[in-house]
Protein backbone atom coordinates (compact mmCIF):
# COMPACT_ATOMS: atom_id res chain seq x y z
CA MET A 1 13.54 14.05 -15.29
CA ARG A 2 13.41 17.46 -14.17
CA HIS A 3 10.20 18.95 -12.52
CA LEU A 4 9.23 22.71 -13.25
CA ARG A 5 8.00 24.37 -9.95
CA GLY A 6 6.44 27.46 -11.16
CA ASN A 7 4.43 26.13 -14.00
CA ARG A 8 1.70 24.42 -12.24
CA GLY A 9 -1.42 25.31 -14.64
CA PHE A 10 -4.81 26.59 -13.95
CA THR A 11 -7.06 24.91 -11.15
CA LEU A 12 -10.45 23.77 -11.96
CA ILE A 13 -11.98 26.50 -9.74
CA GLU A 14 -10.11 29.12 -11.73
CA ILE A 15 -11.47 27.80 -14.84
CA MET A 16 -14.98 27.67 -13.34
CA ILE A 17 -14.67 31.33 -11.82
CA ALA A 18 -13.54 32.44 -15.26
CA MET A 19 -16.34 30.80 -17.14
CA ILE A 20 -18.84 32.30 -14.71
CA VAL A 21 -17.45 35.83 -15.24
CA LEU A 22 -17.59 35.38 -19.08
CA MET A 23 -21.27 34.09 -19.06
CA ILE A 24 -22.33 37.06 -16.86
CA GLY A 25 -20.65 39.41 -19.33
CA LEU A 26 -22.35 37.63 -22.38
CA LEU A 27 -25.66 37.77 -20.70
CA GLY A 28 -25.16 41.39 -20.19
CA VAL A 29 -24.35 41.97 -23.66
CA ALA A 30 -27.36 39.88 -24.96
CA GLY A 31 -29.81 42.19 -23.00
CA VAL A 32 -28.22 45.31 -24.39
CA ALA A 33 -28.60 44.02 -27.81
CA THR A 34 -32.23 43.05 -27.29
CA THR A 35 -33.05 46.86 -26.30
CA VAL A 36 -31.11 48.15 -29.03
CA ILE A 37 -33.13 46.06 -31.61
CA ASN A 38 -36.31 46.72 -30.27
CA GLY A 39 -35.34 50.71 -30.22
CA ASN A 40 -34.31 50.49 -33.87
CA ALA A 41 -37.59 48.67 -34.99
CA PHE A 42 -39.74 51.58 -33.16
CA GLY A 43 -37.48 54.08 -34.75
CA ASN A 44 -38.25 52.65 -37.95
CA ARG A 45 -41.89 52.64 -37.34
CA ILE A 46 -41.89 56.24 -36.23
CA THR A 47 -39.94 57.26 -39.53
CA THR A 48 -42.22 55.44 -41.58
CA ALA A 49 -45.39 57.05 -39.95
CA THR A 50 -43.55 60.72 -40.02
CA THR A 51 -42.85 60.07 -43.87
CA LEU A 52 -46.52 59.18 -44.51
CA ALA A 53 -47.87 62.08 -42.71
CA GLN A 54 -45.53 64.28 -44.85
CA ASP A 55 -46.42 62.87 -47.97
CA LYS A 56 -50.00 63.46 -47.48
CA MET A 57 -49.37 67.22 -46.19
CA GLU A 58 -47.70 67.79 -49.24
CA GLU A 59 -50.40 66.04 -51.41
CA LEU A 60 -53.01 68.29 -49.74
CA LYS A 61 -51.04 71.30 -50.05
CA GLY A 62 -50.80 70.74 -53.71
CA THR A 63 -54.40 70.10 -54.19
CA GLY A 64 -55.24 73.91 -53.84
CA TYR A 65 -57.10 75.53 -51.34
CA SER A 66 -60.68 75.17 -52.31
CA ASN A 67 -60.32 71.36 -53.05
CA ILE A 68 -58.93 70.32 -49.37
CA ALA A 69 -61.31 67.97 -47.85
CA PRO A 70 -60.95 65.51 -44.75
CA GLY A 71 -60.57 61.87 -45.13
CA SER A 72 -58.51 58.72 -44.01
CA ASP A 73 -56.80 55.51 -45.47
CA THR A 74 -54.61 52.89 -44.58
CA GLN A 75 -50.96 52.56 -45.62
CA GLU A 76 -48.91 49.32 -45.30
CA SER A 77 -51.70 47.66 -43.57
CA ILE A 78 -50.58 48.78 -40.04
CA TYR A 79 -50.54 52.56 -40.37
CA THR A 80 -53.89 54.46 -40.26
CA ARG A 81 -53.70 57.83 -41.72
CA THR A 82 -56.47 60.61 -41.15
CA TRP A 83 -56.61 64.15 -42.05
CA THR A 84 -59.06 66.94 -40.91
CA VAL A 85 -59.65 70.35 -42.21
CA ASP A 86 -60.97 73.00 -39.79
CA PRO A 87 -61.56 76.74 -40.84
CA PRO A 88 -60.28 78.76 -37.85
CA ALA A 89 -60.97 82.08 -39.52
CA ASP A 90 -62.27 83.42 -43.03
CA GLY A 91 -59.83 82.59 -45.77
CA MET A 92 -57.86 80.09 -43.48
CA LYS A 93 -57.78 76.45 -43.10
CA THR A 94 -55.91 74.34 -40.31
CA VAL A 95 -54.85 71.17 -41.71
CA GLU A 96 -54.14 68.13 -39.34
CA VAL A 97 -52.58 64.95 -40.69
CA LYS A 98 -52.42 62.08 -37.97
CA VAL A 99 -50.75 58.41 -38.73
CA GLU A 100 -51.54 55.89 -35.98
CA PHE A 101 -49.68 52.58 -35.78
CA PRO A 102 -49.56 49.76 -33.00
CA TRP A 103 -46.63 49.03 -31.24
CA LYS A 104 -46.58 46.22 -28.51
CA GLY A 105 -50.22 46.35 -27.53
CA THR A 106 -50.51 50.42 -27.54
CA THR A 107 -51.25 52.87 -30.39
CA HIS A 108 -48.80 55.58 -31.05
CA ASN A 109 -49.04 58.31 -33.34
CA VAL A 110 -47.37 61.16 -35.30
CA THR A 111 -49.25 64.12 -35.99
CA LEU A 112 -48.52 67.29 -38.48
CA ASN A 113 -50.27 70.39 -38.60
CA THR A 114 -50.37 73.27 -40.93
CA ILE A 115 -52.47 76.66 -41.66
CA MET A 116 -53.24 77.02 -45.38
CA ALA A 117 -54.48 80.48 -46.61
CA GLU A 118 -56.59 81.21 -49.49
């Protein structure tokens, strides 16, 4: 029987080192994936809050100058939407729409402002 000298295979230490390197790489990928998922979820909340604020602003613009009044409501059980109306000068109204939502123990908000003339 003929013995091959150059084909001895991998040692146990080489396999263990390769497994450790692979494990470190996979843990790094898992950490990045978690951060990306959280970022996407927060971005979704911001987008929804912005859309709710824009919708209310458009609704207020459509009601007519004399019918604009302050108020508030709750959307999708987590978004609190408030709108205020202040007259900075005669024949003008400043309208502010603010949407607040909780995220990881803190309250975040999106605010839109406009000035409407008579």
